[in-house]
């Protein structure tokens, strides 16, 4: 079985659950049910890893220190890119190196996703032009400002218009389960949710 490489972008000021929630869902997904299936990676359809701009500790919200596995230069192929949010997205809106990396990876990946204000970075990179998208409720107006061509969806928790965006923080887990169900079916998504004791909406 060829695994999907899931690259999760991390940066100073990233919201912890924005990246940790999808990491948990994707890394605990197994194609075979049961606790025993989680004792090895044999039935894991995803290889999940973090990517930062540099090989240096990232300071997430609340002071959590995160050691990224890869940086922009040495990250492997990414099939599924997750761009999380947090207040750290604001300075990155002016960071061309980061925006260029997101654009280049978006051209190569098979699925592009965001959590919370990660959508701001996708909008700034021009990747949401003409598409429906959502973000954290407190940043919906900012998304419309950053991406004037974005059709901001103010109601839905997960929006799929070619690019999959999700609302604030915990909704990233709903996004991840949505992707799992798309790729491997409802039974696999539901069983994974049962394993981590998460109630899907």
N, C-alpha and C. Protein backbone atom coordinates (compact mmCIF):
# COMPACT_ATOMS: atom_id res chain seq x y z
N UNK A 1 0.84 -1.20 0.00
CA UNK A 1 0.00 0.00 0.00
C UNK A 1 0.88 1.25 0.00
N UNK A 2 0.63 2.13 -0.96
CA UNK A 2 1.37 3.40 -1.00
C UNK A 2 0.70 4.39 -0.06
N UNK A 3 1.45 4.90 0.87
CA UNK A 3 0.88 5.81 1.87
C UNK A 3 0.80 7.23 1.34
N UNK A 4 -0.15 7.95 1.88
CA UNK A 4 -0.25 9.39 1.64
C UNK A 4 0.71 10.09 2.59
N UNK A 5 1.56 10.95 2.06
CA UNK A 5 2.39 11.80 2.91
C UNK A 5 1.60 13.02 3.33
N UNK A 6 1.39 13.16 4.64
CA UNK A 6 0.65 14.29 5.18
C UNK A 6 1.64 15.26 5.82
N UNK A 7 1.81 16.41 5.21
CA UNK A 7 2.71 17.43 5.74
C UNK A 7 1.91 18.50 6.47
N UNK A 8 2.23 18.72 7.73
CA UNK A 8 1.53 19.73 8.54
C UNK A 8 2.51 20.87 8.82
N UNK A 9 2.19 22.03 8.31
CA UNK A 9 3.03 23.21 8.47
C UNK A 9 2.92 23.73 9.91
N UNK A 10 4.05 23.98 10.55
CA UNK A 10 4.04 24.56 11.89
C UNK A 10 4.93 25.81 11.91
N UNK A 11 4.60 26.74 12.79
CA UNK A 11 5.28 28.04 12.82
C UNK A 11 5.07 28.65 14.19
N UNK A 12 5.88 29.63 14.53
CA UNK A 12 5.71 30.32 15.80
C UNK A 12 4.31 30.92 15.88
N UNK A 13 3.63 30.65 16.98
CA UNK A 13 2.27 31.16 17.16
C UNK A 13 1.20 30.29 16.56
N UNK A 14 1.55 29.06 16.14
CA UNK A 14 0.54 28.14 15.62
C UNK A 14 -0.35 27.67 16.78
N UNK A 15 -1.62 27.56 16.53
CA UNK A 15 -2.57 27.06 17.53
C UNK A 15 -2.36 25.56 17.70
N UNK A 16 -2.22 25.10 18.94
CA UNK A 16 -1.84 23.71 19.20
C UNK A 16 -2.82 22.73 18.59
N UNK A 17 -4.11 22.88 18.88
CA UNK A 17 -5.08 21.89 18.40
C UNK A 17 -5.26 21.96 16.88
N UNK A 18 -4.94 23.11 16.29
CA UNK A 18 -5.04 23.24 14.83
C UNK A 18 -4.16 22.21 14.13
N UNK A 19 -2.96 21.99 14.67
CA UNK A 19 -2.08 21.00 14.02
C UNK A 19 -2.12 19.65 14.72
N UNK A 20 -2.28 19.66 16.06
CA UNK A 20 -2.25 18.40 16.80
C UNK A 20 -3.51 17.57 16.56
N UNK A 21 -4.66 18.24 16.37
CA UNK A 21 -5.90 17.51 16.11
C UNK A 21 -5.83 16.71 14.82
N UNK A 22 -5.55 17.35 13.67
CA UNK A 22 -5.39 16.59 12.44
C UNK A 22 -4.26 15.57 12.52
N UNK A 23 -3.16 15.91 13.21
CA UNK A 23 -2.06 14.95 13.37
C UNK A 23 -2.57 13.69 14.04
N UNK A 24 -3.36 13.85 15.11
CA UNK A 24 -3.91 12.70 15.83
C UNK A 24 -4.81 11.86 14.93
N UNK A 25 -5.70 12.52 14.23
CA UNK A 25 -6.64 11.78 13.37
C UNK A 25 -5.90 11.02 12.28
N UNK A 26 -5.06 11.71 11.54
CA UNK A 26 -4.38 11.04 10.42
C UNK A 26 -3.41 9.97 10.90
N UNK A 27 -2.70 10.23 11.99
CA UNK A 27 -1.69 9.27 12.44
C UNK A 27 -2.31 8.04 13.11
N UNK A 28 -3.54 8.14 13.59
CA UNK A 28 -4.19 7.00 14.24
C UNK A 28 -5.14 6.26 13.32
N UNK A 29 -5.31 6.74 12.10
CA UNK A 29 -6.16 6.04 11.14
C UNK A 29 -5.53 4.71 10.74
N UNK A 30 -6.34 3.67 10.75
CA UNK A 30 -5.93 2.35 10.28
C UNK A 30 -7.03 1.79 9.38
N UNK A 31 -6.61 1.02 8.40
CA UNK A 31 -7.59 0.42 7.50
C UNK A 31 -8.22 -0.82 8.12
N UNK A 32 -7.59 -1.38 9.16
CA UNK A 32 -8.15 -2.49 9.90
C UNK A 32 -8.65 -1.96 11.25
N UNK A 33 -9.80 -2.44 11.71
CA UNK A 33 -10.35 -1.93 12.97
C UNK A 33 -9.66 -2.53 14.19
N UNK A 34 -9.88 -1.88 15.33
CA UNK A 34 -9.45 -2.45 16.60
C UNK A 34 -8.20 -1.81 17.17
N UNK A 35 -8.05 -2.01 18.47
CA UNK A 35 -6.89 -1.47 19.19
C UNK A 35 -5.60 -2.10 18.72
N UNK A 36 -5.63 -3.39 18.45
CA UNK A 36 -4.41 -4.09 18.04
C UNK A 36 -3.82 -3.50 16.77
N UNK A 37 -4.67 -2.99 15.89
CA UNK A 37 -4.18 -2.42 14.63
C UNK A 37 -3.29 -1.20 14.88
N UNK A 38 -3.46 -0.55 16.05
CA UNK A 38 -2.68 0.65 16.34
C UNK A 38 -1.30 0.33 16.93
N UNK A 39 -1.00 -0.93 17.13
CA UNK A 39 0.30 -1.31 17.71
C UNK A 39 1.42 -1.28 16.69
N UNK A 40 1.06 -1.15 15.41
CA UNK A 40 2.07 -1.04 14.36
C UNK A 40 1.56 -0.08 13.30
N UNK A 41 2.43 0.27 12.37
CA UNK A 41 2.05 1.17 11.29
C UNK A 41 1.66 0.41 10.03
N UNK A 42 1.52 -0.90 10.15
CA UNK A 42 1.29 -1.73 8.97
C UNK A 42 0.03 -1.33 8.21
N UNK A 43 -1.05 -1.05 8.93
CA UNK A 43 -2.29 -0.70 8.27
C UNK A 43 -2.54 0.80 8.20
N UNK A 44 -1.50 1.59 8.43
CA UNK A 44 -1.65 3.05 8.43
C UNK A 44 -1.58 3.59 7.00
N UNK A 45 -2.62 4.26 6.54
CA UNK A 45 -2.60 4.79 5.17
C UNK A 45 -1.89 6.14 5.04
N UNK A 46 -1.53 6.74 6.18
CA UNK A 46 -0.88 8.05 6.16
C UNK A 46 0.47 8.01 6.85
N UNK A 47 1.43 8.74 6.29
CA UNK A 47 2.69 9.03 6.96
C UNK A 47 2.63 10.53 7.28
N UNK A 48 2.53 10.85 8.58
CA UNK A 48 2.26 12.22 9.00
C UNK A 48 3.52 12.85 9.58
N UNK A 49 3.81 14.08 9.18
CA UNK A 49 5.00 14.76 9.69
C UNK A 49 4.79 16.27 9.70
N UNK A 50 5.59 16.95 10.50
CA UNK A 50 5.55 18.40 10.58
C UNK A 50 6.65 19.01 9.72
N UNK A 51 6.37 20.21 9.23
CA UNK A 51 7.33 20.96 8.41
C UNK A 51 7.33 22.41 8.89
N UNK A 52 8.51 22.97 9.09
CA UNK A 52 8.65 24.38 9.44
C UNK A 52 9.61 25.05 8.46
N UNK A 53 9.69 26.34 8.53
CA UNK A 53 10.59 27.05 7.60
C UNK A 53 12.04 26.68 7.86
N UNK A 54 12.41 26.51 9.13
CA UNK A 54 13.78 26.17 9.49
C UNK A 54 13.78 25.00 10.47
N UNK A 55 14.93 24.35 10.58
CA UNK A 55 15.11 23.29 11.57
C UNK A 55 15.40 23.95 12.92
N UNK A 56 14.36 24.42 13.55
CA UNK A 56 14.49 25.05 14.87
C UNK A 56 13.17 24.86 15.59
N UNK A 57 13.24 24.83 16.91
CA UNK A 57 12.01 24.67 17.68
C UNK A 57 11.00 25.75 17.33
N UNK A 58 9.75 25.34 17.25
CA UNK A 58 8.64 26.25 17.01
C UNK A 58 7.91 26.44 18.33
N UNK A 59 7.57 27.68 18.64
CA UNK A 59 6.85 27.97 19.88
C UNK A 59 5.37 28.18 19.55
N UNK A 60 4.58 27.16 19.89
CA UNK A 60 3.15 27.19 19.61
C UNK A 60 2.41 28.00 20.67
N UNK A 61 1.11 28.19 20.47
CA UNK A 61 0.28 28.89 21.44
C UNK A 61 0.40 28.25 22.82
N UNK A 62 0.50 29.09 23.85
CA UNK A 62 0.62 28.57 25.21
C UNK A 62 2.04 28.22 25.59
N UNK A 63 2.99 28.42 24.66
CA UNK A 63 4.39 28.16 24.96
C UNK A 63 4.86 26.74 24.67
N UNK A 64 4.00 25.91 24.07
CA UNK A 64 4.41 24.55 23.73
C UNK A 64 5.55 24.58 22.71
N UNK A 65 6.64 23.89 23.02
CA UNK A 65 7.77 23.82 22.09
C UNK A 65 7.62 22.61 21.19
N UNK A 66 7.71 22.82 19.89
CA UNK A 66 7.54 21.76 18.90
C UNK A 66 8.81 21.66 18.06
N UNK A 67 9.31 20.45 17.91
CA UNK A 67 10.49 20.22 17.07
C UNK A 67 10.00 19.70 15.71
N UNK A 68 10.09 20.49 14.66
CA UNK A 68 9.61 20.04 13.36
C UNK A 68 10.50 18.93 12.80
N UNK A 69 9.88 18.00 12.10
CA UNK A 69 10.66 16.89 11.53
C UNK A 69 11.45 17.34 10.31
N UNK A 70 10.85 18.24 9.52
CA UNK A 70 11.51 18.71 8.29
C UNK A 70 11.44 20.23 8.22
N UNK A 71 12.25 20.78 7.31
CA UNK A 71 12.11 22.20 6.99
C UNK A 71 11.75 22.33 5.52
N UNK A 72 11.60 23.57 5.05
CA UNK A 72 11.18 23.79 3.67
C UNK A 72 12.12 23.11 2.68
N UNK A 73 13.40 23.08 3.01
CA UNK A 73 14.39 22.57 2.05
C UNK A 73 14.42 21.06 1.95
N UNK A 74 14.16 20.35 3.05
CA UNK A 74 14.37 18.89 3.01
C UNK A 74 13.08 18.08 3.16
N UNK A 75 11.93 18.74 3.17
CA UNK A 75 10.68 18.00 3.29
C UNK A 75 10.46 17.11 2.07
N UNK A 76 9.98 15.89 2.29
CA UNK A 76 9.69 15.00 1.16
C UNK A 76 8.43 15.43 0.43
N UNK A 77 8.04 14.65 -0.56
CA UNK A 77 6.79 14.89 -1.28
C UNK A 77 5.63 14.99 -0.28
N UNK A 78 4.75 15.93 -0.51
CA UNK A 78 3.56 16.08 0.34
C UNK A 78 2.33 15.84 -0.53
N UNK A 79 1.56 14.83 -0.17
CA UNK A 79 0.32 14.53 -0.89
C UNK A 79 -0.85 15.30 -0.32
N UNK A 80 -0.83 15.50 0.99
CA UNK A 80 -1.90 16.21 1.69
C UNK A 80 -1.25 17.27 2.57
N UNK A 81 -1.48 18.53 2.23
CA UNK A 81 -0.89 19.63 2.99
C UNK A 81 -1.92 20.21 3.94
N UNK A 82 -1.55 20.33 5.21
CA UNK A 82 -2.41 20.94 6.22
C UNK A 82 -1.76 22.26 6.65
N UNK A 83 -2.49 23.35 6.47
CA UNK A 83 -2.02 24.67 6.90
C UNK A 83 -2.87 25.11 8.08
N UNK A 84 -2.36 25.00 9.30
CA UNK A 84 -3.13 25.38 10.48
C UNK A 84 -3.10 26.89 10.70
N UNK A 85 -3.83 27.31 11.74
CA UNK A 85 -3.89 28.73 12.03
C UNK A 85 -3.30 29.08 13.38
N UNK A 86 -3.73 30.19 13.91
CA UNK A 86 -3.18 30.75 15.13
C UNK A 86 -2.77 32.19 14.85
N UNK A 87 -2.50 32.95 15.91
CA UNK A 87 -2.12 34.35 15.70
C UNK A 87 -0.80 34.48 14.95
N UNK A 88 -0.03 33.42 14.90
CA UNK A 88 1.22 33.44 14.14
C UNK A 88 1.02 33.55 12.65
N UNK A 89 -0.21 33.38 12.17
CA UNK A 89 -0.44 33.55 10.73
C UNK A 89 -0.31 35.01 10.30
N UNK A 90 -0.57 35.94 11.20
CA UNK A 90 -0.63 37.35 10.80
C UNK A 90 0.70 37.85 10.22
N UNK A 91 1.84 37.65 10.92
CA UNK A 91 3.09 38.10 10.30
C UNK A 91 3.44 37.32 9.04
N UNK A 92 2.96 36.09 8.94
CA UNK A 92 3.28 35.28 7.75
C UNK A 92 2.56 35.78 6.51
N UNK A 93 1.53 36.59 6.69
CA UNK A 93 0.84 37.16 5.53
C UNK A 93 1.76 38.05 4.71
N UNK A 94 2.84 38.51 5.33
CA UNK A 94 3.82 39.35 4.62
C UNK A 94 5.13 38.61 4.35
N UNK A 95 5.13 37.31 4.57
CA UNK A 95 6.35 36.51 4.45
C UNK A 95 6.34 35.78 3.10
N UNK A 96 7.00 36.33 2.13
CA UNK A 96 6.96 35.77 0.77
C UNK A 96 7.58 34.37 0.69
N UNK A 97 8.59 34.11 1.52
CA UNK A 97 9.20 32.78 1.49
C UNK A 97 8.17 31.72 1.87
N UNK A 98 7.42 32.00 2.91
CA UNK A 98 6.38 31.06 3.34
C UNK A 98 5.27 30.95 2.31
N UNK A 99 4.80 32.07 1.80
CA UNK A 99 3.73 32.06 0.81
C UNK A 99 4.15 31.33 -0.46
N UNK A 100 5.40 31.53 -0.89
CA UNK A 100 5.90 30.83 -2.08
C UNK A 100 5.98 29.32 -1.84
N UNK A 101 6.40 28.94 -0.62
CA UNK A 101 6.47 27.50 -0.30
C UNK A 101 5.07 26.88 -0.33
N UNK A 102 4.11 27.58 0.24
CA UNK A 102 2.73 27.07 0.23
C UNK A 102 2.23 26.95 -1.21
N UNK A 103 2.49 27.94 -2.02
CA UNK A 103 2.06 27.87 -3.42
C UNK A 103 2.69 26.69 -4.15
N UNK A 104 4.00 26.51 -3.96
CA UNK A 104 4.68 25.43 -4.68
C UNK A 104 4.19 24.07 -4.22
N UNK A 105 3.98 23.90 -2.91
CA UNK A 105 3.48 22.62 -2.40
C UNK A 105 2.02 22.41 -2.82
N UNK A 106 1.27 23.48 -2.91
CA UNK A 106 -0.13 23.36 -3.33
C UNK A 106 -0.22 22.85 -4.77
N UNK A 107 0.72 23.26 -5.62
CA UNK A 107 0.72 22.79 -7.01
C UNK A 107 1.01 21.31 -7.09
N UNK A 108 1.76 20.78 -6.14
CA UNK A 108 2.20 19.39 -6.19
C UNK A 108 1.31 18.43 -5.42
N UNK A 109 0.61 18.92 -4.39
CA UNK A 109 -0.12 18.00 -3.52
C UNK A 109 -1.44 17.56 -4.16
N UNK A 110 -1.97 16.48 -3.61
CA UNK A 110 -3.23 15.94 -4.10
C UNK A 110 -4.43 16.53 -3.37
N UNK A 111 -4.22 16.95 -2.12
CA UNK A 111 -5.27 17.63 -1.36
C UNK A 111 -4.64 18.76 -0.56
N UNK A 112 -5.30 19.91 -0.61
CA UNK A 112 -4.85 21.09 0.13
C UNK A 112 -5.91 21.44 1.16
N UNK A 113 -5.49 21.58 2.43
CA UNK A 113 -6.44 21.84 3.50
C UNK A 113 -5.92 22.95 4.41
N UNK A 114 -6.87 23.54 5.15
CA UNK A 114 -6.48 24.51 6.18
C UNK A 114 -7.38 24.34 7.39
N UNK A 115 -6.87 24.81 8.51
CA UNK A 115 -7.62 24.84 9.76
C UNK A 115 -7.60 26.28 10.26
N UNK A 116 -8.74 26.78 10.69
CA UNK A 116 -8.79 28.08 11.35
C UNK A 116 -8.19 29.16 10.44
N UNK A 117 -7.34 30.00 10.97
CA UNK A 117 -6.81 31.11 10.18
C UNK A 117 -5.69 30.69 9.24
N UNK A 118 -5.43 29.41 9.11
CA UNK A 118 -4.58 28.94 8.03
C UNK A 118 -5.16 29.35 6.68
N UNK A 119 -6.49 29.51 6.65
CA UNK A 119 -7.15 29.95 5.41
C UNK A 119 -6.67 31.33 4.97
N UNK A 120 -6.26 32.17 5.93
CA UNK A 120 -5.74 33.49 5.56
C UNK A 120 -4.50 33.35 4.70
N UNK A 121 -3.63 32.40 5.05
CA UNK A 121 -2.41 32.19 4.26
C UNK A 121 -2.75 31.65 2.87
N UNK A 122 -3.72 30.75 2.80
CA UNK A 122 -4.12 30.24 1.48
C UNK A 122 -4.72 31.36 0.63
N UNK A 123 -5.51 32.22 1.28
CA UNK A 123 -6.11 33.34 0.54
C UNK A 123 -5.04 34.31 0.06
N UNK A 124 -4.10 34.63 0.94
CA UNK A 124 -3.03 35.56 0.57
C UNK A 124 -2.19 35.01 -0.58
N UNK A 125 -2.04 33.69 -0.60
CA UNK A 125 -1.27 33.04 -1.67
C UNK A 125 -2.07 32.91 -2.96
N UNK A 126 -3.34 33.34 -2.95
CA UNK A 126 -4.17 33.29 -4.14
C UNK A 126 -4.79 31.94 -4.41
N UNK A 127 -4.74 31.04 -3.43
CA UNK A 127 -5.19 29.67 -3.63
C UNK A 127 -6.68 29.47 -3.38
N UNK A 128 -7.34 30.53 -2.88
CA UNK A 128 -8.78 30.44 -2.62
C UNK A 128 -9.59 31.36 -3.53
N UNK A 129 -8.94 31.99 -4.50
CA UNK A 129 -9.66 32.90 -5.40
C UNK A 129 -10.80 32.18 -6.10
N UNK A 130 -12.01 32.75 -6.00
CA UNK A 130 -13.17 32.17 -6.67
C UNK A 130 -13.75 30.97 -5.97
N UNK A 131 -13.20 30.60 -4.81
CA UNK A 131 -13.66 29.41 -4.09
C UNK A 131 -14.40 29.78 -2.82
N UNK A 132 -15.28 28.89 -2.39
CA UNK A 132 -15.90 29.02 -1.07
C UNK A 132 -14.89 28.56 -0.02
N UNK A 133 -14.86 29.23 1.10
CA UNK A 133 -13.91 28.89 2.16
C UNK A 133 -14.40 29.43 3.48
N UNK A 134 -13.88 28.86 4.56
CA UNK A 134 -14.22 29.35 5.89
C UNK A 134 -12.97 29.46 6.74
N UNK A 135 -13.15 30.00 7.94
CA UNK A 135 -12.06 30.16 8.89
C UNK A 135 -12.68 30.33 10.28
N UNK A 136 -11.87 30.65 11.26
CA UNK A 136 -12.38 30.92 12.61
C UNK A 136 -13.42 32.04 12.56
N UNK A 137 -14.47 31.92 13.36
CA UNK A 137 -15.56 32.91 13.33
C UNK A 137 -15.07 34.34 13.54
N UNK A 138 -14.01 34.50 14.33
CA UNK A 138 -13.52 35.85 14.61
C UNK A 138 -12.67 36.40 13.47
N UNK A 139 -12.38 35.59 12.46
CA UNK A 139 -11.52 36.04 11.35
C UNK A 139 -12.25 36.00 10.01
N UNK A 140 -13.56 35.81 10.02
CA UNK A 140 -14.30 35.74 8.75
C UNK A 140 -14.19 37.04 7.96
N UNK A 141 -14.31 38.17 8.65
CA UNK A 141 -14.18 39.46 7.96
C UNK A 141 -12.76 39.67 7.44
N UNK A 142 -11.79 39.23 8.21
CA UNK A 142 -10.39 39.35 7.78
C UNK A 142 -10.12 38.48 6.56
N UNK A 143 -10.73 37.29 6.52
CA UNK A 143 -10.57 36.43 5.33
C UNK A 143 -11.11 37.14 4.09
N UNK A 144 -12.26 37.80 4.24
CA UNK A 144 -12.82 38.55 3.11
C UNK A 144 -11.92 39.71 2.69
N UNK A 145 -11.24 40.29 3.68
CA UNK A 145 -10.33 41.41 3.39
C UNK A 145 -9.05 40.93 2.71
N UNK A 146 -8.47 39.85 3.25
CA UNK A 146 -7.22 39.31 2.69
C UNK A 146 -7.46 38.71 1.31
N UNK A 147 -8.60 38.06 1.16
CA UNK A 147 -8.93 37.42 -0.11
C UNK A 147 -10.23 37.95 -0.67
N UNK A 148 -10.22 39.12 -1.32
CA UNK A 148 -11.47 39.72 -1.82
C UNK A 148 -12.19 38.86 -2.85
N UNK A 149 -11.50 37.89 -3.45
CA UNK A 149 -12.14 37.01 -4.43
C UNK A 149 -12.64 35.71 -3.80
N UNK A 150 -12.46 35.58 -2.50
CA UNK A 150 -12.91 34.39 -1.78
C UNK A 150 -14.39 34.53 -1.45
N UNK A 151 -15.14 33.45 -1.64
CA UNK A 151 -16.55 33.40 -1.25
C UNK A 151 -16.61 32.88 0.18
N UNK A 152 -16.65 33.77 1.14
CA UNK A 152 -16.56 33.39 2.55
C UNK A 152 -17.85 32.72 3.01
N UNK A 153 -17.72 31.50 3.49
CA UNK A 153 -18.84 30.75 4.04
C UNK A 153 -18.85 30.95 5.55
N UNK A 154 -19.86 31.61 6.06
CA UNK A 154 -19.93 31.95 7.47
C UNK A 154 -20.73 30.95 8.30
N UNK A 155 -21.16 29.87 7.69
CA UNK A 155 -22.03 28.92 8.39
C UNK A 155 -21.42 27.54 8.58
N UNK A 156 -20.76 27.03 7.57
CA UNK A 156 -20.33 25.63 7.60
C UNK A 156 -19.02 25.46 8.34
N UNK A 157 -18.88 24.30 8.96
CA UNK A 157 -17.69 23.97 9.75
C UNK A 157 -16.55 23.49 8.87
N UNK A 158 -16.88 22.75 7.83
CA UNK A 158 -15.91 22.27 6.85
C UNK A 158 -16.44 22.60 5.46
N UNK A 159 -15.62 23.24 4.65
CA UNK A 159 -16.02 23.65 3.31
C UNK A 159 -15.05 23.03 2.31
N UNK A 160 -15.59 22.32 1.33
CA UNK A 160 -14.78 21.70 0.29
C UNK A 160 -15.18 22.28 -1.05
N UNK A 161 -14.32 23.11 -1.59
CA UNK A 161 -14.53 23.67 -2.93
C UNK A 161 -13.23 23.50 -3.73
N UNK A 162 -12.76 22.27 -3.72
CA UNK A 162 -11.47 21.99 -4.36
C UNK A 162 -10.33 22.11 -3.37
N UNK A 163 -10.37 23.14 -2.54
CA UNK A 163 -9.51 23.27 -1.37
C UNK A 163 -10.42 23.09 -0.15
N UNK A 164 -9.95 22.32 0.84
CA UNK A 164 -10.77 22.02 2.01
C UNK A 164 -10.35 22.93 3.15
N UNK A 165 -11.26 23.81 3.56
CA UNK A 165 -10.99 24.71 4.68
C UNK A 165 -11.92 24.34 5.83
N UNK A 166 -11.49 24.67 7.04
CA UNK A 166 -12.32 24.38 8.21
C UNK A 166 -12.31 25.58 9.14
N UNK A 167 -13.31 25.63 10.00
CA UNK A 167 -13.48 26.76 10.91
C UNK A 167 -12.43 26.68 12.02
N UNK A 168 -12.74 27.23 13.19
CA UNK A 168 -11.71 27.40 14.21
C UNK A 168 -11.31 26.14 14.96
N UNK A 169 -10.06 26.04 15.25
CA UNK A 169 -9.40 25.17 16.22
C UNK A 169 -9.88 23.72 16.13
N UNK A 170 -10.86 23.33 16.95
CA UNK A 170 -11.28 21.92 17.01
C UNK A 170 -11.89 21.42 15.71
N UNK A 171 -12.35 22.34 14.86
CA UNK A 171 -12.95 21.92 13.60
C UNK A 171 -11.93 21.26 12.67
N UNK A 172 -10.65 21.45 12.96
CA UNK A 172 -9.63 20.77 12.17
C UNK A 172 -9.74 19.25 12.26
N UNK A 173 -10.25 18.76 13.38
CA UNK A 173 -10.46 17.32 13.51
C UNK A 173 -11.61 16.87 12.62
N UNK A 174 -12.66 17.70 12.53
CA UNK A 174 -13.76 17.38 11.61
C UNK A 174 -13.26 17.36 10.17
N UNK A 175 -12.40 18.31 9.84
CA UNK A 175 -11.82 18.33 8.51
C UNK A 175 -11.03 17.06 8.24
N UNK A 176 -10.23 16.64 9.21
CA UNK A 176 -9.41 15.45 9.02
C UNK A 176 -10.28 14.21 8.84
N UNK A 177 -11.33 14.08 9.63
CA UNK A 177 -12.24 12.94 9.47
C UNK A 177 -12.97 13.00 8.14
N UNK A 178 -13.29 14.20 7.69
CA UNK A 178 -13.90 14.36 6.37
C UNK A 178 -12.97 13.81 5.28
N UNK A 179 -11.69 14.13 5.38
CA UNK A 179 -10.72 13.64 4.40
C UNK A 179 -10.58 12.12 4.49
N UNK A 180 -10.48 11.60 5.70
CA UNK A 180 -10.38 10.14 5.87
C UNK A 180 -11.58 9.45 5.23
N UNK A 181 -12.77 9.98 5.47
CA UNK A 181 -13.97 9.37 4.88
C UNK A 181 -13.95 9.46 3.36
N UNK A 182 -13.52 10.59 2.83
CA UNK A 182 -13.40 10.75 1.37
C UNK A 182 -12.50 9.68 0.77
N UNK A 183 -11.37 9.45 1.41
CA UNK A 183 -10.35 8.56 0.85
C UNK A 183 -10.61 7.09 1.12
N UNK A 184 -11.10 6.79 2.33
CA UNK A 184 -11.15 5.38 2.75
C UNK A 184 -12.52 4.92 3.25
N UNK A 185 -13.51 5.79 3.18
CA UNK A 185 -14.87 5.39 3.51
C UNK A 185 -15.29 5.75 4.93
N UNK A 186 -16.59 5.77 5.11
CA UNK A 186 -17.17 6.17 6.39
C UNK A 186 -16.82 5.21 7.51
N UNK A 187 -16.76 3.92 7.20
CA UNK A 187 -16.47 2.93 8.25
C UNK A 187 -15.09 3.17 8.86
N UNK A 188 -14.10 3.45 8.04
CA UNK A 188 -12.75 3.71 8.54
C UNK A 188 -12.73 5.01 9.35
N UNK A 189 -13.39 6.04 8.86
CA UNK A 189 -13.43 7.31 9.60
C UNK A 189 -14.15 7.14 10.93
N UNK A 190 -15.28 6.45 10.92
CA UNK A 190 -16.04 6.27 12.16
C UNK A 190 -15.28 5.41 13.17
N UNK A 191 -14.59 4.38 12.69
CA UNK A 191 -13.84 3.52 13.60
C UNK A 191 -12.66 4.26 14.21
N UNK A 192 -12.02 5.12 13.42
CA UNK A 192 -10.93 5.93 13.95
C UNK A 192 -11.45 6.90 15.00
N UNK A 193 -12.59 7.51 14.74
CA UNK A 193 -13.19 8.41 15.72
C UNK A 193 -13.54 7.66 17.00
N UNK A 194 -14.04 6.45 16.84
CA UNK A 194 -14.36 5.63 18.03
C UNK A 194 -13.10 5.33 18.82
N UNK A 195 -12.02 5.02 18.13
CA UNK A 195 -10.77 4.69 18.82
C UNK A 195 -10.27 5.86 19.66
N UNK A 196 -10.32 7.07 19.11
CA UNK A 196 -9.82 8.21 19.88
C UNK A 196 -10.94 8.87 20.70
N UNK A 197 -12.10 8.24 20.72
CA UNK A 197 -13.26 8.71 21.51
C UNK A 197 -13.65 10.14 21.15
N UNK A 198 -13.84 10.33 19.84
CA UNK A 198 -14.26 11.62 19.33
C UNK A 198 -15.63 11.47 18.70
N UNK A 199 -16.56 12.33 19.05
CA UNK A 199 -17.90 12.28 18.49
C UNK A 199 -17.95 13.14 17.24
N UNK A 200 -18.08 12.47 16.10
CA UNK A 200 -18.15 13.20 14.83
C UNK A 200 -19.47 13.94 14.73
N UNK A 201 -19.43 15.08 14.05
CA UNK A 201 -20.67 15.84 13.84
C UNK A 201 -21.35 15.35 12.57
